[in-house]
Amino acid sequence: MVPPAPAHNHGVPPPAPSPTDVPALLGRLERAAAAAGLRVEAFGAAPAGPLLALTKRTRGPRPRIYLSAGIHGDEPAATLAVLGLLEAGECDGRANWFLCPLLNPSGLARGVREDAAGRDLNRDYRKFEAPETRAHAAWLARQPNFDLAICVHEDWESRGFYLYELNPDGQPTLAEPMIAAVRPVCAIDESPVIEGRPAQGGIIRPAFDPATRELWPESFYLQAHHTRLSYTLEAPSAFPLDTRVAALRAALHTALDRATRPLRLAHP
């Protein structure tokens, strides 16, 4: 049963989620990656654990797909959704995979948004003041450009699931199919304005203008340097954890299924 959409809480955050056993979660990620044939690489470190990249390259033309999660430590559903994809065997030979499933282990270990130094890592992709974001950018610089990038998140203020699309070239959109896939398992935020931006049917299509933002999120950095098609998924934190994970899994499954169809994405 889909829970009702919660009322907005006027800017007062809900109680922080319980701290997560990060070593156990990292162990599950490594085991699932190995079982799926992905290479496990530690490209950096945080006080609570390593920053992992999980990659898999298959010969022949394949779309290059990047997924990230866990940059905010109070959004555990994001990392659990990516873990679920791995354990379900969805990162198979259909694509070349580039996964960063836990970008802020220190925040997740404490159940807080920020890293161990109190920084919001998802506002640090222009100045790179944090060692985590510097290490991540250095790793990204060693990878090819991506055909599709998806950043997985939660939003504690949301009335339901929603997403952002950055698609300046007008490629076939994955936004509406993802919303349709989520709708049976989680309410959609149908608000006409979400996070101060016009929205329609749970979809925000912001103008990408880096000059308007002093503090860049990861998605802006990816769009500026690594991809021409990206999505940010936002599950509603006020909903039960199982519902949030199911919503994110449904959106990811649909996006990956469509992105890996033959000739769906072009390679430069």
C-alpha atoms as a PDB file:
ATOM      1  CA  MET A   1       0.000   0.000   0.000  1.00  0.00           C
ATOM      2  CA  VAL A   2       1.362   3.399  -0.946  1.00  0.00           C
ATOM      3  CA  PRO A   3       1.536   5.651   2.120  1.00  0.00           C
ATOM      4  CA  PRO A   4      -0.186   9.039   1.958  1.00  0.00           C
ATOM      5  CA  ALA A   5       1.892  12.037   1.033  1.00  0.00           C
ATOM      6  CA  PRO A   6       3.096  13.759   4.187  1.00  0.00           C
ATOM      7  CA  ALA A   7       2.455  17.425   4.769  1.00  0.00           C
ATOM      8  CA  HIS A   8       5.358  19.824   4.443  1.00  0.00           C
ATOM      9  CA  ASN A   9       7.019  20.482   7.777  1.00  0.00           C
ATOM     10  CA  HIS A  10       7.872  24.160   7.235  1.00  0.00           C
ATOM     11  CA  GLY A  11      11.612  23.652   7.046  1.00  0.00           C
ATOM     12  CA  VAL A  12      11.958  21.603  10.232  1.00  0.00           C
ATOM     13  CA  PRO A  13      13.913  18.443   9.392  1.00  0.00           C
ATOM     14  CA  PRO A  14      12.681  15.082  10.668  1.00  0.00           C
ATOM     15  CA  PRO A  15      14.746  13.118  13.166  1.00  0.00           C
ATOM     16  CA  ALA A  16      17.988  11.845  11.646  1.00  0.00           C
ATOM     17  CA  PRO A  17      17.920   8.223  10.500  1.00  0.00           C
ATOM     18  CA  SER A  18      19.701   5.680  12.619  1.00  0.00           C
ATOM     19  CA  PRO A  19      23.437   5.457  11.979  1.00  0.00           C
ATOM     20  CA  THR A  20      24.348   2.758   9.498  1.00  0.00           C
ATOM     21  CA  ASP A  21      26.876  -0.035   9.967  1.00  0.00           C
ATOM     22  CA  VAL A  22      29.123   1.259   7.206  1.00  0.00           C
ATOM     23  CA  PRO A  23      31.741  -1.551   7.307  1.00  0.00           C
ATOM     24  CA  ALA A  24      28.981  -4.143   6.894  1.00  0.00           C
ATOM     25  CA  LEU A  25      27.407  -2.175   4.051  1.00  0.00           C
ATOM     26  CA  LEU A  26      30.750  -1.745   2.290  1.00  0.00           C
ATOM     27  CA  GLY A  27      31.296  -5.476   2.638  1.00  0.00           C
ATOM     28  CA  ARG A  28      27.945  -6.198   0.983  1.00  0.00           C
ATOM     29  CA  LEU A  29      28.757  -3.777  -1.829  1.00  0.00           C
ATOM     30  CA  GLU A  30      32.133  -5.408  -2.448  1.00  0.00           C
ATOM     31  CA  ARG A  31      30.686  -8.921  -2.407  1.00  0.00           C
ATOM     32  CA  ALA A  32      27.829  -7.989  -4.729  1.00  0.00           C
ATOM     33  CA  ALA A  33      30.211  -6.241  -7.105  1.00  0.00           C
ATOM     34  CA  ALA A  34      32.557  -9.214  -7.219  1.00  0.00           C
ATOM     35  CA  ALA A  35      29.654 -11.587  -7.858  1.00  0.00           C
ATOM     36  CA  ALA A  36      28.516  -9.378 -10.747  1.00  0.00           C
ATOM     37  CA  GLY A  37      31.999  -9.211 -12.245  1.00  0.00           C
ATOM     38  CA  LEU A  38      32.686  -5.594 -11.360  1.00  0.00           C
ATOM     39  CA  ARG A  39      36.117  -4.329 -10.414  1.00  0.00           C
ATOM     40  CA  VAL A  40      36.309  -2.854  -6.913  1.00  0.00           C
ATOM     41  CA  GLU A  41      38.583   0.159  -6.481  1.00  0.00           C
ATOM     42  CA  ALA A  42      39.129   2.436  -3.488  1.00  0.00           C
ATOM     43  CA  PHE A  43      39.794   5.847  -5.037  1.00  0.00           C
ATOM     44  CA  GLY A  44      39.856   7.748  -1.756  1.00  0.00           C
ATOM     45  CA  ALA A  45      39.212   7.491   1.945  1.00  0.00           C
ATOM     46  CA  ALA A  46      37.021   9.048   4.615  1.00  0.00           C
ATOM     47  CA  PRO A  47      37.223   8.597   8.378  1.00  0.00           C
ATOM     48  CA  ALA A  48      34.449   5.988   8.288  1.00  0.00           C
ATOM     49  CA  GLY A  49      35.723   3.973   5.343  1.00  0.00           C
ATOM     50  CA  PRO A  50      36.991   3.925   1.768  1.00  0.00           C
ATOM     51  CA  LEU A  51      35.387   5.632  -1.202  1.00  0.00           C
ATOM     52  CA  LEU A  52      34.554   2.794  -3.575  1.00  0.00           C
ATOM     53  CA  ALA A  53      34.230   2.768  -7.346  1.00  0.00           C
ATOM     54  CA  LEU A  54      32.737  -0.320  -8.969  1.00  0.00           C
ATOM     55  CA  THR A  55      33.377  -0.670 -12.687  1.00  0.00           C
ATOM     56  CA  LYS A  56      32.723  -3.149 -15.440  1.00  0.00           C
ATOM     57  CA  ARG A  57      33.688  -2.850 -19.092  1.00  0.00           C
ATOM     58  CA  THR A  58      32.479  -5.203 -21.789  1.00  0.00           C
ATOM     59  CA  ARG A  59      33.948  -5.387 -25.288  1.00  0.00           C
ATOM     60  CA  GLY A  60      31.958  -3.980 -28.142  1.00  0.00           C
ATOM     61  CA  PRO A  61      29.672  -0.965 -28.320  1.00  0.00           C
ATOM     62  CA  ARG A  62      27.909  -0.508 -25.018  1.00  0.00           C
ATOM     63  CA  PRO A  63      26.389   2.548 -23.348  1.00  0.00           C
ATOM     64  CA  ARG A  64      28.524   3.954 -20.564  1.00  0.00           C
ATOM     65  CA  ILE A  65      26.382   4.376 -17.461  1.00  0.00           C
ATOM     66  CA  TYR A  66      27.350   6.149 -14.254  1.00  0.00           C
ATOM     67  CA  LEU A  67      25.468   5.832 -10.964  1.00  0.00           C
ATOM     68  CA  SER A  68      26.251   7.601  -7.706  1.00  0.00           C
ATOM     69  CA  ALA A  69      24.655   7.472  -4.267  1.00  0.00           C
ATOM     70  CA  GLY A  70      25.292   8.195  -0.624  1.00  0.00           C
ATOM     71  CA  ILE A  71      26.714  11.698  -0.922  1.00  0.00           C
ATOM     72  CA  HIS A  72      24.310  12.724   1.854  1.00  0.00           C
ATOM     73  CA  GLY A  73      24.621  10.536   4.922  1.00  0.00           C
ATOM     74  CA  ASP A  74      20.982  10.953   5.943  1.00  0.00           C
ATOM     75  CA  GLU A  75      19.784   9.362   2.677  1.00  0.00           C
ATOM     76  CA  PRO A  76      20.402   5.637   3.213  1.00  0.00           C
ATOM     77  CA  ALA A  77      17.800   4.521   0.654  1.00  0.00           C
ATOM     78  CA  ALA A  78      20.034   5.779  -2.153  1.00  0.00           C
ATOM     79  CA  THR A  79      22.945   3.446  -1.406  1.00  0.00           C
ATOM     80  CA  LEU A  80      20.599   0.564  -0.576  1.00  0.00           C
ATOM     81  CA  ALA A  81      18.874   0.960  -3.951  1.00  0.00           C
ATOM     82  CA  VAL A  82      22.188   0.730  -5.816  1.00  0.00           C
ATOM     83  CA  LEU A  83      23.156  -2.263  -3.673  1.00  0.00           C
ATOM     84  CA  GLY A  84      19.851  -3.884  -4.624  1.00  0.00           C
ATOM     85  CA  LEU A  85      20.624  -3.438  -8.317  1.00  0.00           C
ATOM     86  CA  LEU A  86      23.991  -5.114  -7.848  1.00  0.00           C
ATOM     87  CA  GLU A  87      22.596  -8.013  -5.839  1.00  0.00           C
ATOM     88  CA  ALA A  88      19.840  -8.517  -8.422  1.00  0.00           C
ATOM     89  CA  GLY A  89      22.443  -8.845 -11.196  1.00  0.00           C
ATOM     90  CA  GLU A  90      21.262  -5.806 -13.149  1.00  0.00           C
ATOM     91  CA  CYS A  91      24.788  -4.519 -13.779  1.00  0.00           C
ATOM     92  CA  ASP A  92      25.386  -7.090 -16.482  1.00  0.00           C
ATOM     93  CA  GLY A  93      26.918  -7.105 -19.956  1.00  0.00           C
ATOM     94  CA  ARG A  94      24.382  -4.689 -21.401  1.00  0.00           C
ATOM     95  CA  ALA A  95      26.530  -1.673 -20.504  1.00  0.00           C
ATOM     96  CA  ASN A  96      29.855  -0.417 -19.269  1.00  0.00           C
ATOM     97  CA  TRP A  97      29.222   0.426 -15.628  1.00  0.00           C
ATOM     98  CA  PHE A  98      30.734   3.106 -13.409  1.00  0.00           C
ATOM     99  CA  LEU A  99      29.290   3.108  -9.891  1.00  0.00           C
ATOM    100  CA  CYS A 100      30.169   5.232  -6.867  1.00  0.00           C
ATOM    101  CA  PRO A 101      27.668   3.825  -4.380  1.00  0.00           C
ATOM    102  CA  LEU A 102      28.758   5.556  -1.156  1.00  0.00           C
ATOM    103  CA  LEU A 103      30.362   8.973  -1.563  1.00  0.00           C
ATOM    104  CA  ASN A 104      30.000   9.999   2.087  1.00  0.00           C
ATOM    105  CA  PRO A 105      30.610   7.012   4.382  1.00  0.00           C
ATOM    106  CA  SER A 106      31.301   9.284   7.364  1.00  0.00           C
ATOM    107  CA  GLY A 107      27.902  10.946   7.091  1.00  0.00           C
ATOM    108  CA  LEU A 108      26.113   7.634   6.675  1.00  0.00           C
ATOM    109  CA  ALA A 109      27.890   6.194   9.701  1.00  0.00           C
ATOM    110  CA  ARG A 110      26.445   9.030  11.816  1.00  0.00           C
ATOM    111  CA  GLY A 111      23.107   9.396  10.037  1.00  0.00           C
ATOM    112  CA  VAL A 112      23.774  13.028   9.078  1.00  0.00           C
ATOM    113  CA  ARG A 113      23.852  14.879   5.768  1.00  0.00           C
ATOM    114  CA  GLU A 114      27.388  16.247   6.007  1.00  0.00           C
ATOM    115  CA  ASP A 115      30.827  14.659   6.041  1.00  0.00           C
ATOM    116  CA  ALA A 116      33.004  14.340   9.162  1.00  0.00           C
ATOM    117  CA  ALA A 117      34.051  17.995   8.862  1.00  0.00           C
ATOM    118  CA  GLY A 118      30.480  19.258   8.584  1.00  0.00           C
ATOM    119  CA  ARG A 119      30.579  19.954   4.831  1.00  0.00           C
ATOM    120  CA  ASP A 120      27.738  19.326   2.418  1.00  0.00           C
ATOM    121  CA  LEU A 121      29.665  17.405  -0.228  1.00  0.00           C
ATOM    122  CA  ASN A 122      26.917  17.941  -2.794  1.00  0.00           C
ATOM    123  CA  ARG A 123      27.680  21.674  -2.787  1.00  0.00           C
ATOM    124  CA  ASP A 124      31.426  21.240  -3.213  1.00  0.00           C
ATOM    125  CA  TYR A 125      31.838  20.382  -6.903  1.00  0.00           C
ATOM    126  CA  ARG A 126      33.104  23.822  -7.868  1.00  0.00           C
ATOM    127  CA  LYS A 127      35.550  24.659  -5.079  1.00  0.00           C
ATOM    128  CA  PHE A 128      36.527  21.086  -4.085  1.00  0.00           C
ATOM    129  CA  GLU A 129      37.343  21.918  -0.482  1.00  0.00           C
ATOM    130  CA  ALA A 130      36.696  18.378   0.787  1.00  0.00           C
ATOM    131  CA  PRO A 131      39.127  15.496   0.255  1.00  0.00           C
ATOM    132  CA  GLU A 132      36.177  13.275  -0.711  1.00  0.00           C
ATOM    133  CA  THR A 133      35.111  15.489  -3.625  1.00  0.00           C
ATOM    134  CA  ARG A 134      38.695  16.058  -4.750  1.00  0.00           C
ATOM    135  CA  ALA A 135      39.289  12.311  -4.857  1.00  0.00           C
ATOM    136  CA  HIS A 136      36.006  11.773  -6.679  1.00  0.00           C
ATOM    137  CA  ALA A 137      36.808  14.400  -9.329  1.00  0.00           C
ATOM    138  CA  ALA A 138      40.250  12.858  -9.862  1.00  0.00           C
ATOM    139  CA  TRP A 139      38.640   9.444 -10.365  1.00  0.00           C
ATOM    140  CA  LEU A 140      36.072  10.878 -12.784  1.00  0.00           C
ATOM    141  CA  ALA A 141      38.877  12.487 -14.811  1.00  0.00           C
ATOM    142  CA  ARG A 142      40.287   9.004 -15.467  1.00  0.00           C
ATOM    143  CA  GLN A 143      37.007   7.685 -16.878  1.00  0.00           C
ATOM    144  CA  PRO A 144      35.464   8.117 -20.343  1.00  0.00           C
ATOM    145  CA  ASN A 145      32.488  10.394 -20.782  1.00  0.00           C
ATOM    146  CA  PHE A 146      29.170   8.830 -19.855  1.00  0.00           C
ATOM    147  CA  ASP A 147      26.120   8.320 -22.035  1.00  0.00           C
ATOM    148  CA  LEU A 148      23.923   8.473 -18.963  1.00  0.00           C
ATOM    149  CA  ALA A 149      24.528   9.607 -15.382  1.00  0.00           C
ATOM    150  CA  ILE A 150      22.111   9.141 -12.497  1.00  0.00           C
ATOM    151  CA  CYS A 151      22.594  10.593  -9.021  1.00  0.00           C
ATOM    152  CA  VAL A 152      20.431   8.862  -6.415  1.00  0.00           C
ATOM    153  CA  HIS A 153      19.072  10.885  -3.483  1.00  0.00           C
ATOM    154  CA  GLU A 154      16.307  11.438  -0.955  1.00  0.00           C
ATOM    155  CA  ASP A 155      14.499  14.662   0.025  1.00  0.00           C
ATOM    156  CA  TRP A 156      13.151  15.080   3.567  1.00  0.00           C
ATOM    157  CA  GLU A 157      10.806  17.916   2.520  1.00  0.00           C
ATOM    158  CA  SER A 158       9.163  16.164  -0.414  1.00  0.00           C
ATOM    159  CA  ARG A 159       5.513  15.088  -0.635  1.00  0.00           C
ATOM    160  CA  GLY A 160       6.523  12.208  -2.900  1.00  0.00           C
ATOM    161  CA  PHE A 161       9.048  10.993  -5.447  1.00  0.00           C
ATOM    162  CA  TYR A 162      10.374  13.418  -8.048  1.00  0.00           C
ATOM    163  CA  LEU A 163      13.383  13.822 -10.325  1.00  0.00           C
ATOM    164  CA  TYR A 164      15.521  16.344 -12.174  1.00  0.00           C
ATOM    165  CA  GLU A 165      16.450  15.957 -15.835  1.00  0.00           C
ATOM    166  CA  LEU A 166      19.392  17.674 -17.530  1.00  0.00           C
ATOM    167  CA  ASN A 167      19.065  16.881 -21.228  1.00  0.00           C
ATOM    168  CA  PRO A 168      20.338  19.834 -23.299  1.00  0.00           C
ATOM    169  CA  ASP A 169      20.526  17.877 -26.563  1.00  0.00           C
ATOM    170  CA  GLY A 170      16.931  16.669 -26.441  1.00  0.00           C
ATOM    171  CA  GLN A 171      17.801  12.984 -26.312  1.00  0.00           C
ATOM    172  CA  PRO A 172      14.912  10.541 -25.809  1.00  0.00           C
ATOM    173  CA  THR A 173      13.775  11.277 -22.279  1.00  0.00           C
ATOM    174  CA  LEU A 174      13.785   8.720 -19.506  1.00  0.00           C
ATOM    175  CA  ALA A 175      11.932  10.993 -17.087  1.00  0.00           C
ATOM    176  CA  GLU A 176       8.301  10.104 -17.812  1.00  0.00           C
ATOM    177  CA  PRO A 177       9.002   6.340 -17.968  1.00  0.00           C
ATOM    178  CA  MET A 178      10.725   6.526 -14.581  1.00  0.00           C
ATOM    179  CA  ILE A 179       7.822   8.425 -13.025  1.00  0.00           C
ATOM    180  CA  ALA A 180       5.366   5.880 -14.453  1.00  0.00           C
ATOM    181  CA  ALA A 181       7.404   3.017 -13.002  1.00  0.00           C
ATOM    182  CA  VAL A 182       7.537   4.603  -9.552  1.00  0.00           C
ATOM    183  CA  ARG A 183       3.863   5.552  -9.338  1.00  0.00           C
ATOM    184  CA  PRO A 184       2.578   2.047  -8.367  1.00  0.00           C
ATOM    185  CA  VAL A 185       4.950   1.818  -5.390  1.00  0.00           C
ATOM    186  CA  CYS A 186       5.267   5.407  -4.140  1.00  0.00           C
ATOM    187  CA  ALA A 187       3.333   8.667  -4.365  1.00  0.00           C
ATOM    188  CA  ILE A 188       4.643  11.227  -6.846  1.00  0.00           C
ATOM    189  CA  ASP A 189       5.162  14.830  -5.780  1.00  0.00           C
ATOM    190  CA  GLU A 190       2.694  16.587  -8.088  1.00  0.00           C
ATOM    191  CA  SER A 191       3.472  20.081  -6.759  1.00  0.00           C
ATOM    192  CA  PRO A 192       3.759  22.744  -9.492  1.00  0.00           C
ATOM    193  CA  VAL A 193       6.864  24.107  -7.748  1.00  0.00           C
ATOM    194  CA  ILE A 194       9.452  21.847  -6.101  1.00  0.00           C
ATOM    195  CA  GLU A 195      12.583  23.205  -4.470  1.00  0.00           C
ATOM    196  CA  GLY A 196      11.719  26.613  -5.900  1.00  0.00           C
ATOM    197  CA  ARG A 197      11.660  25.338  -9.505  1.00  0.00           C
ATOM    198  CA  PRO A 198       8.721  24.731 -11.845  1.00  0.00           C
ATOM    199  CA  ALA A 199       7.751  21.066 -11.952  1.00  0.00           C
ATOM    200  CA  GLN A 200       5.234  18.998 -13.845  1.00  0.00           C
ATOM    201  CA  GLY A 201       4.188  15.496 -12.870  1.00  0.00           C
ATOM    202  CA  GLY A 202       7.162  15.063 -10.563  1.00  0.00           C
ATOM    203  CA  ILE A 203       9.698  16.193 -13.179  1.00  0.00           C
ATOM    204  CA  ILE A 204      11.932  19.272 -12.943  1.00  0.00           C
ATOM    205  CA  ARG A 205      13.812  20.330 -16.051  1.00  0.00           C
ATOM    206  CA  PRO A 206      16.025  23.186 -14.837  1.00  0.00           C
ATOM    207  CA  ALA A 207      18.055  25.382 -17.122  1.00  0.00           C
ATOM    208  CA  PHE A 208      21.690  24.365 -16.761  1.00  0.00           C
ATOM    209  CA  ASP A 209      23.573  27.605 -16.249  1.00  0.00           C
ATOM    210  CA  PRO A 210      26.672  27.095 -14.096  1.00  0.00           C
ATOM    211  CA  ALA A 211      27.154  30.839 -13.747  1.00  0.00           C
ATOM    212  CA  THR A 212      23.990  31.069 -11.640  1.00  0.00           C
ATOM    213  CA  ARG A 213      25.305  28.717  -8.938  1.00  0.00           C
ATOM    214  CA  GLU A 214      28.276  29.456  -6.720  1.00  0.00           C
ATOM    215  CA  LEU A 215      28.044  26.034  -5.075  1.00  0.00           C
ATOM    216  CA  TRP A 216      27.820  23.180  -7.557  1.00  0.00           C
ATOM    217  CA  PRO A 217      26.115  19.858  -6.850  1.00  0.00           C
ATOM    218  CA  GLU A 218      27.604  16.722  -8.339  1.00  0.00           C
ATOM    219  CA  SER A 219      25.047  16.798 -11.165  1.00  0.00           C
ATOM    220  CA  PHE A 220      26.289  20.199 -12.369  1.00  0.00           C
ATOM    221  CA  TYR A 221      29.879  18.998 -12.429  1.00  0.00           C
ATOM    222  CA  LEU A 222      28.901  15.873 -14.328  1.00  0.00           C
ATOM    223  CA  GLN A 223      26.913  17.886 -16.864  1.00  0.00           C
ATOM    224  CA  ALA A 224      29.757  20.364 -17.354  1.00  0.00           C
ATOM    225  CA  HIS A 225      32.495  17.762 -17.799  1.00  0.00           C
ATOM    226  CA  HIS A 226      31.295  14.168 -18.171  1.00  0.00           C
ATOM    227  CA  THR A 227      27.841  13.676 -19.711  1.00  0.00           C
ATOM    228  CA  ARG A 228      25.076  15.190 -21.838  1.00  0.00           C
ATOM    229  CA  LEU A 229      22.226  13.320 -20.149  1.00  0.00           C
ATOM    230  CA  SER A 230      21.767  13.135 -16.405  1.00  0.00           C
ATOM    231  CA  TYR A 231      19.077  12.598 -13.804  1.00  0.00           C
ATOM    232  CA  THR A 232      18.845  13.213 -10.084  1.00  0.00           C
ATOM    233  CA  LEU A 233      16.318  10.963  -8.358  1.00  0.00           C
ATOM    234  CA  GLU A 234      14.671  12.099  -5.101  1.00  0.00           C
ATOM    235  CA  ALA A 235      12.760   9.681  -2.872  1.00  0.00           C
ATOM    236  CA  PRO A 236      10.650  11.163  -0.027  1.00  0.00           C
ATOM    237  CA  SER A 237      12.479  10.636   3.272  1.00  0.00           C
ATOM    238  CA  ALA A 238       9.248  10.854   5.300  1.00  0.00           C
ATOM    239  CA  PHE A 239       8.081   7.576   3.733  1.00  0.00           C
ATOM    240  CA  PRO A 240       9.122   4.146   5.067  1.00  0.00           C
ATOM    241  CA  LEU A 241      12.614   3.042   4.085  1.00  0.00           C
ATOM    242  CA  ASP A 242      11.333   0.037   2.128  1.00  0.00           C
ATOM    243  CA  THR A 243       9.082   2.321   0.081  1.00  0.00           C
ATOM    244  CA  ARG A 244      11.908   4.719  -0.699  1.00  0.00           C
ATOM    245  CA  VAL A 245      14.217   1.919  -1.778  1.00  0.00           C
ATOM    246  CA  ALA A 246      11.461   0.370  -3.934  1.00  0.00           C
ATOM    247  CA  ALA A 247      10.778   3.736  -5.583  1.00  0.00           C
ATOM    248  CA  LEU A 248      14.423   4.302  -6.422  1.00  0.00           C
ATOM    249  CA  ARG A 249      14.840   0.715  -7.616  1.00  0.00           C
ATOM    250  CA  ALA A 250      11.816   1.048  -9.911  1.00  0.00           C
ATOM    251  CA  ALA A 251      13.152   4.262 -11.432  1.00  0.00           C
ATOM    252  CA  LEU A 252      16.657   2.871 -11.882  1.00  0.00           C
ATOM    253  CA  HIS A 253      15.450  -0.402 -13.378  1.00  0.00           C
ATOM    254  CA  THR A 254      13.348   1.440 -15.949  1.00  0.00           C
ATOM    255  CA  ALA A 255      16.070   3.930 -16.866  1.00  0.00           C
ATOM    256  CA  LEU A 256      18.707   1.221 -17.244  1.00  0.00           C
ATOM    257  CA  ASP A 257      16.415  -1.021 -19.252  1.00  0.00           C
ATOM    258  CA  ARG A 258      15.652   1.744 -21.725  1.00  0.00           C
ATOM    259  CA  ALA A 259      19.201   3.084 -21.864  1.00  0.00           C
ATOM    260  CA  THR A 260      20.625  -0.314 -22.746  1.00  0.00           C
ATOM    261  CA  ARG A 261      18.295  -1.078 -25.617  1.00  0.00           C
ATOM    262  CA  PRO A 262      20.234  -1.381 -28.905  1.00  0.00           C
ATOM    263  CA  LEU A 263      21.051   1.979 -30.458  1.00  0.00           C
ATOM    264  CA  ARG A 264      19.258   3.849 -27.705  1.00  0.00           C
ATOM    265  CA  LEU A 265      22.338   5.906 -26.908  1.00  0.00           C
ATOM    266  CA  ALA A 266      24.984   7.088 -29.353  1.00  0.00           C
ATOM    267  CA  HIS A 267      28.700   6.868 -28.690  1.00  0.00           C
ATOM    268  CA  PRO A 268      30.984   9.746 -29.700  1.00  0.00           C
END
